[in-house]
Protein backbone atom coordinates (compact mmCIF):
# COMPACT_ATOMS: atom_id res chain seq x y z
CA MET A 1 83.45 100.91 102.80
CA LYS A 2 83.19 98.00 105.22
CA LEU A 3 80.39 95.45 104.96
CA SER A 4 79.51 92.41 107.00
CA ARG A 5 79.71 88.98 105.43
CA GLU A 6 75.93 88.76 105.26
CA GLU A 7 75.61 92.21 103.66
CA LEU A 8 78.15 91.64 100.88
CA LYS A 9 77.04 88.10 100.14
CA GLY A 10 73.43 89.24 99.99
CA LEU A 11 74.25 92.05 97.57
CA MET A 12 76.18 89.71 95.28
CA LYS A 13 73.44 87.09 95.35
CA GLY A 14 70.81 89.70 94.61
CA LYS A 15 72.67 91.11 91.61
CA LEU A 16 73.22 87.63 90.15
CA MET A 17 69.51 86.91 90.54
CA GLN A 18 68.66 90.24 88.89
CA ALA A 19 70.69 89.07 85.92
CA GLY A 20 68.65 85.86 85.73
CA LEU A 21 70.48 83.24 87.80
CA HIS A 22 68.21 81.04 89.90
CA GLU A 23 68.40 81.46 93.66
CA ASP A 24 70.16 78.18 94.48
CA HIS A 25 72.90 78.78 91.92
CA ALA A 26 73.18 82.44 92.95
CA GLU A 27 73.58 81.34 96.58
CA THR A 28 76.43 78.96 95.72
CA THR A 29 78.15 81.50 93.47
CA ALA A 30 77.89 84.29 96.04
CA GLU A 31 79.22 82.02 98.79
CA ILE A 32 82.34 81.11 96.81
CA LEU A 33 82.91 84.73 95.75
CA MET A 34 82.57 85.66 99.43
CA TRP A 35 85.11 82.98 100.37
CA ALA A 36 87.64 84.66 98.08
CA HIS A 37 86.82 88.26 98.99
CA GLU A 38 86.97 87.81 102.75
CA ARG A 39 90.41 86.20 102.44
CA GLY A 40 91.74 89.20 100.56
CA TYR A 41 91.60 87.59 97.12
CA TYR A 42 89.77 90.65 95.84
CA SER A 43 90.48 89.90 92.18
CA HIS A 44 88.28 86.80 92.53
CA GLY A 45 85.70 88.33 94.84
CA ALA A 46 82.93 90.89 94.50
CA VAL A 47 84.64 92.69 91.62
CA ARG A 48 83.72 89.72 89.39
CA VAL A 49 79.95 90.01 89.90
CA GLU A 50 79.50 92.53 87.09
CA TYR A 51 81.15 90.20 84.59
CA TYR A 52 79.14 87.14 85.64
CA SER A 53 75.92 89.16 85.68
CA GLU A 54 76.39 90.42 82.15
CA ARG A 55 77.23 86.95 80.82
CA ILE A 56 74.18 85.49 82.57
CA PHE A 57 71.96 88.30 81.28
CA LYS A 58 73.17 87.83 77.70
CA GLY A 59 72.73 84.05 77.71
CA GLY A 60 76.40 83.09 77.88
CA ILE A 61 75.71 81.02 81.00
CA THR A 62 72.88 78.49 81.01
CA VAL A 63 70.63 79.25 83.98
CA GLU A 64 68.87 75.86 83.86
CA PRO A 65 71.73 73.51 82.87
CA ASN A 66 71.24 69.78 82.43
CA ILE A 67 74.27 68.72 84.50
CA THR A 68 75.05 65.06 83.87
CA TRP A 69 77.39 62.62 85.62
CA LYS A 70 79.18 59.74 83.90
CA GLN A 71 81.25 57.43 86.07
CA THR A 72 84.00 56.05 83.87
CA GLY A 73 85.60 53.72 86.43
CA PRO A 74 85.66 52.96 90.16
CA CYS A 75 87.86 56.02 90.76
CA SER A 76 87.01 58.29 87.83
CA GLY A 77 84.18 60.20 86.25
CA ILE A 78 83.20 63.25 84.21
CA LEU A 79 80.60 65.85 85.12
CA ASP A 80 79.20 67.67 82.08
CA GLY A 81 78.15 71.14 83.19
CA ASP A 82 76.05 72.03 80.12
CA ASN A 83 77.50 75.55 80.25
CA GLY A 84 76.11 76.15 83.73
CA ILE A 85 77.64 78.65 86.15
CA GLY A 86 81.11 77.28 86.89
CA PHE A 87 80.92 77.60 90.67
CA VAL A 88 78.01 75.17 90.88
CA VAL A 89 79.55 72.64 88.49
CA ALA A 90 82.99 72.71 90.15
CA LYS A 91 81.47 72.36 93.62
CA GLU A 92 79.32 69.42 92.54
CA GLY A 93 82.37 67.84 90.90
CA MET A 94 84.29 68.09 94.18
CA LYS A 95 81.37 66.54 96.06
CA LYS A 96 81.53 63.58 93.65
CA ALA A 97 85.30 63.33 94.07
CA ILE A 98 85.09 63.39 97.87
CA GLU A 99 82.45 60.66 97.87
CA MET A 100 84.48 58.51 95.47
CA ALA A 101 87.77 59.00 97.35
CA LYS A 102 86.17 58.02 100.65
CA GLU A 103 84.90 54.85 99.06
CA ASN A 104 87.87 53.88 96.91
CA GLY A 105 90.84 55.84 98.27
CA ILE A 106 91.35 58.11 95.28
CA ALA A 107 89.20 60.00 92.82
CA VAL A 108 89.90 61.71 89.51
CA VAL A 109 86.91 63.79 88.44
CA GLY A 110 86.81 65.94 85.34
CA MET A 111 84.30 68.72 84.73
CA SER A 112 83.63 69.69 81.14
CA ASN A 113 81.58 72.42 79.53
CA LEU A 114 81.47 74.79 82.48
CA SER A 115 81.97 78.53 82.77
CA HIS A 116 84.52 80.32 84.95
CA SER A 117 84.58 78.82 88.47
CA GLY A 118 86.42 81.50 90.43
CA SER A 119 89.09 80.84 93.05
CA ILE A 120 89.71 77.09 92.89
CA GLY A 121 91.17 76.97 96.40
CA TYR A 122 87.57 76.82 97.63
CA TYR A 123 87.12 73.39 96.07
CA THR A 124 90.33 71.85 97.37
CA GLU A 125 89.53 73.20 100.83
CA MET A 126 86.24 71.28 100.64
CA ALA A 127 88.29 68.07 100.52
CA ALA A 128 90.59 69.16 103.36
CA ASP A 129 87.49 69.81 105.49
CA GLU A 130 86.68 66.12 104.99
CA GLY A 131 90.15 64.96 106.03
CA LEU A 132 91.29 64.40 102.44
CA CYS A 133 94.06 65.79 100.23
CA ALA A 134 93.17 67.40 96.92
CA ILE A 135 94.62 69.07 93.87
CA SER A 136 92.67 70.93 91.21
CA PHE A 137 93.56 72.29 87.78
CA CYS A 138 91.55 74.66 85.60
CA GLN A 139 92.25 75.96 82.11
CA SER A 140 91.51 79.49 80.97
CA ASP A 141 91.56 81.48 77.75
CA PRO A 142 94.79 82.54 76.00
CA MET A 143 96.28 85.52 77.79
CA ALA A 144 99.84 84.42 78.59
CA VAL A 145 102.85 84.22 76.31
CA PRO A 146 104.68 80.88 76.31
CA TYR A 147 108.33 81.12 77.33
CA GLY A 148 110.21 82.68 74.42
CA GLY A 149 107.03 83.86 72.67
CA ALA A 150 105.45 87.28 72.05
CA GLU A 151 101.87 86.10 71.44
CA PRO A 152 99.47 84.62 74.02
CA TYR A 153 98.63 80.91 73.79
CA TYR A 154 97.82 79.53 77.26
CA GLY A 155 95.69 80.99 80.03
CA THR A 156 96.54 81.74 83.63
CA ASN A 157 95.75 78.02 84.19
CA PRO A 158 95.57 77.92 88.00
CA ILE A 159 96.63 75.08 90.31
CA SER A 160 95.40 74.52 93.85
CA PHE A 161 96.14 71.90 96.49
CA ALA A 162 94.91 71.48 100.03
CA ALA A 163 95.59 69.18 102.97
CA PRO A 164 94.16 68.78 106.49
CA THR A 165 96.02 68.74 109.80
CA ALA A 166 95.33 67.35 113.27
CA ASP A 167 94.12 70.78 114.44
CA ASP A 168 92.04 73.56 112.89
CA ARG A 169 94.75 74.61 110.44
CA LYS A 170 94.48 73.71 106.75
CA VAL A 171 97.04 74.10 104.01
CA VAL A 172 95.30 75.72 101.03
CA PHE A 173 97.48 76.77 98.12
CA ASP A 174 95.98 78.48 95.06
CA MET A 175 98.04 80.09 92.34
CA ALA A 176 97.95 81.12 88.71
CA THR A 177 100.77 79.77 86.57
CA THR A 178 101.35 83.33 85.43
CA VAL A 179 103.21 85.84 87.59
CA GLN A 180 99.81 87.31 88.38
CA ALA A 181 96.22 86.41 87.54
CA TRP A 182 94.32 88.56 85.03
CA GLY A 183 92.01 89.56 87.86
CA LYS A 184 94.96 91.37 89.46
CA ILE A 185 95.31 93.45 86.29
CA LEU A 186 91.61 94.33 86.48
CA ASP A 187 92.02 95.18 90.15
CA LYS A 188 94.90 97.58 89.39
CA ARG A 189 92.91 99.16 86.57
CA SER A 190 89.96 99.77 88.85
CA LYS A 191 92.27 101.38 91.42
CA HIS A 192 94.16 103.40 88.77
CA GLN A 193 97.47 101.89 89.87
CA GLU A 194 100.51 100.77 87.89
CA ILE A 195 101.64 97.15 87.81
CA PRO A 196 105.17 95.78 88.37
CA ALA A 197 107.18 95.41 85.17
CA ASP A 198 107.45 91.63 85.52
CA TRP A 199 103.69 90.96 85.43
CA ALA A 200 102.84 91.45 81.77
CA VAL A 201 103.93 92.50 78.26
CA ASP A 202 102.57 94.71 75.50
CA GLU A 203 101.75 93.68 71.91
CA HIS A 204 105.47 93.49 71.09
CA GLY A 205 106.32 91.25 74.03
CA ALA A 206 107.98 94.07 75.97
CA PRO A 207 107.39 94.58 79.72
CA VAL A 208 104.73 97.15 80.63
CA THR A 209 103.64 98.92 83.84
CA ASP A 210 100.44 100.55 82.55
CA PRO A 211 97.65 97.99 83.14
CA HIS A 212 95.68 99.45 80.22
CA LYS A 213 98.49 98.52 77.80
CA VAL A 214 98.66 94.85 78.80
CA ASN A 215 98.46 92.47 75.84
CA ALA A 216 99.53 89.29 77.63
CA LEU A 217 100.68 87.97 80.98
CA VAL A 218 103.95 86.10 81.53
CA PRO A 219 104.51 82.64 83.09
CA ILE A 220 106.06 82.29 86.53
CA ALA A 221 109.75 81.38 86.53
CA GLY A 222 110.01 81.45 82.75
CA ALA A 223 110.20 77.98 81.21
CA LYS A 224 109.09 76.32 84.46
CA GLY A 225 105.83 78.22 84.59
CA TYR A 226 105.31 77.57 80.90
CA GLY A 227 105.61 73.83 81.58
CA LEU A 228 103.10 74.05 84.43
CA MET A 229 100.51 75.90 82.37
CA MET A 230 100.89 73.26 79.65
CA MET A 231 100.36 70.53 82.26
CA VAL A 232 97.16 72.20 83.46
CA ASP A 233 95.85 72.47 79.91
CA ILE A 234 96.60 68.79 79.22
CA PHE A 235 94.87 67.58 82.40
CA SER A 236 91.86 69.89 82.31
CA GLY A 237 91.53 70.43 78.57
CA ILE A 238 92.91 67.81 76.20
CA LEU A 239 92.20 64.92 78.58
CA LEU A 240 88.53 65.97 78.84
CA GLY A 241 88.00 66.55 75.14
CA VAL A 242 87.28 70.27 75.42
CA PRO A 243 89.03 73.11 73.53
CA PHE A 244 92.72 73.45 74.44
CA GLY A 245 95.47 76.08 74.41
CA GLY A 246 94.81 78.81 71.90
CA HIS A 247 91.39 77.35 71.11
CA VAL A 248 89.89 78.04 74.56
CA SER A 249 87.09 80.61 74.27
CA SER A 250 87.66 84.15 75.49
CA MET A 251 86.33 85.23 78.85
CA TYR A 252 85.45 88.70 77.53
CA HIS A 253 84.86 88.63 73.77
CA ASP A 254 81.26 87.48 73.29
CA LEU A 255 79.36 87.19 76.52
CA SER A 256 76.35 85.66 74.76
CA GLU A 257 78.32 82.48 73.96
CA GLY A 258 79.14 79.54 76.24
CA ARG A 259 82.73 78.83 77.23
CA ARG A 260 83.19 75.01 77.28
CA LEU A 261 85.97 75.13 79.88
CA GLY A 262 87.48 72.10 81.60
CA GLN A 263 88.54 71.51 85.20
CA MET A 264 90.03 68.51 87.03
CA HIS A 265 89.85 67.49 90.69
CA ILE A 266 92.09 64.77 92.15
CA VAL A 267 91.29 63.70 95.72
CA ILE A 268 93.26 61.25 97.89
CA ASP A 269 92.31 59.62 101.19
CA PRO A 270 95.41 59.58 103.46
CA GLU A 271 94.01 56.54 105.25
CA ARG A 272 94.97 54.42 102.21
CA PHE A 273 98.61 55.46 102.51
CA CYS A 274 100.29 56.30 105.84
CA GLY A 275 96.97 56.40 107.67
CA ALA A 276 94.78 59.44 108.32
CA ASP A 277 95.84 59.99 111.93
CA GLN A 278 99.54 59.80 111.18
CA PHE A 279 99.15 62.02 108.14
CA MET A 280 97.33 64.78 109.99
CA LYS A 281 99.62 64.65 113.03
CA THR A 282 102.65 64.88 110.75
CA MET A 283 101.07 67.77 108.85
CA SER A 284 100.59 69.65 112.12
CA ALA A 285 104.21 68.95 113.11
CA CYS A 286 105.36 70.16 109.69
CA LEU A 287 103.48 73.45 110.03
CA ASP A 288 104.82 73.89 113.58
CA GLU A 289 108.38 73.48 112.32
CA ILE A 290 107.83 75.85 109.40
CA GLY A 291 106.46 78.46 111.80
CA LYS A 292 109.65 78.26 113.89
CA ILE A 293 112.03 78.87 110.98
CA LYS A 294 114.03 82.07 111.35
CA PRO A 295 112.40 84.69 109.10
CA ALA A 296 114.35 86.54 106.44
CA PRO A 297 114.83 90.32 106.64
CA GLY A 298 111.53 92.05 106.02
CA PHE A 299 109.41 89.12 107.23
CA ASP A 300 107.84 88.52 110.63
CA LYS A 301 107.56 84.75 110.20
CA VAL A 302 107.36 81.96 107.65
CA ASN A 303 103.71 81.30 106.86
CA TYR A 304 102.20 78.11 105.49
CA PRO A 305 99.95 78.40 102.39
CA GLY A 306 96.57 79.74 103.41
CA GLU A 307 97.72 81.20 106.74
CA ARG A 308 97.91 84.81 105.64
CA ALA A 309 94.51 84.54 103.98
CA LYS A 310 92.96 83.40 107.26
CA MET A 311 94.74 86.20 109.10
CA ARG A 312 93.32 88.75 106.65
CA MET A 313 89.84 87.33 107.12
CA ASP A 314 90.06 87.32 110.90
CA LYS A 315 91.38 90.89 110.92
CA ALA A 316 88.61 92.09 108.61
CA TYR A 317 85.81 90.79 110.80
CA ALA A 318 87.55 92.01 113.95
CA THR A 319 87.62 95.54 112.54
CA GLY A 320 84.08 95.92 111.25
CA GLY A 321 83.86 93.84 108.09
CA VAL A 322 85.39 93.35 104.66
CA ASP A 323 86.55 96.25 102.51
CA VAL A 324 84.53 96.94 99.36
CA ALA A 325 85.04 99.85 96.97
CA ASP A 326 82.24 102.43 97.17
CA GLU A 327 81.55 102.29 93.43
CA LEU A 328 81.27 98.50 93.60
CA VAL A 329 78.74 98.72 96.41
CA GLU A 330 76.82 101.30 94.37
CA TYR A 331 76.73 98.88 91.43
CA LEU A 332 75.62 95.93 93.55
CA LYS A 333 72.82 97.98 95.12
CA GLY A 334 71.69 99.47 91.81
CA GLU A 335 68.84 98.47 89.55
CA PRO A 336 69.51 95.77 86.92
CA VAL A 337 70.09 98.23 84.10
CA HIS A 338 73.87 98.05 83.59
CA PHE A 339 74.46 94.68 81.98
CA ASP A 340 76.29 95.99 78.93
CA ARG A 341 79.55 97.59 80.03
CA TYR A 342 82.13 95.17 78.64
CA ASP A 343 83.80 95.90 75.31
CA HIS A 344 83.58 92.51 73.59
CA LYS A 345 85.96 93.57 70.82
CA ASN A 346 88.76 93.63 73.36
CA ARG A 347 89.13 90.80 75.84
CA PHE A 348 91.24 93.11 77.99
CA ALA A 349 88.58 95.80 78.24
CA ASP A 350 87.98 97.70 81.48
């Protein structure tokens, strides 16, 4: 089924409010979920509303958090989210980082004690919209085996960076440090599709193609991805004094408990280095050159990070709206009676 942006965002906001989230926080959460969904990042879009709604309904997300800011230096600070909805805390943290970077040239802002904050490319793009460069790290619960291991220890631990150009293009890169994010496993389950053999392993550490038999994900590029996920956990976990590695709380076990996650934004003002004008002009030239590179067999062109996402979004709205599964629309339109569908004994439940 195809829905307009306003229709889908309104349905998501309404369901979050049915679960108990206040309107302003539901608006922010729905907007960021919409940002992901319309770009084709379906695993971080509308499919997540059911999870967030159940956690909100069961008290695992504080609906009236006391979010506090502590500036620890001219270029650093920590935002304590008090277990509030992660989207709101992460967005507020980026606002602080942007303000600080504009004033002092660079900002390092940590966010502690927040819940899941969705696709973190949204937050780095906020900085690019202001003519700044940004990188963001976010830890997650143990669901990936370290290189050489058969038991999960780190999470998907995503990394995002973004940069502006002299035109309307923006580089926005957002990736999990695993071959695929856990949301992609959920997406394949919901569509009753198999997964590639290099995405995940079973309880013995062997590759698996049945998404229902997944016990853990695997890091990208073996030892290299393992090193990256450790880096993310150090910057967004250990450095902020929140649970780290195997101690990070599960996303799915007990939805009545808070998560105490950590996230880190680093924002840089190009004006303090080569100069903003030169930086953005050079960025545009770089993307022009990349676009002229001879494509490999099977490819139409070489895209810059974020380009295909924008193309998917533009195509969706040019052809009647974004695609949403019928059963998901039915859930979003339904009465607030189904807030107990996750099996908390198994973090990899359907």
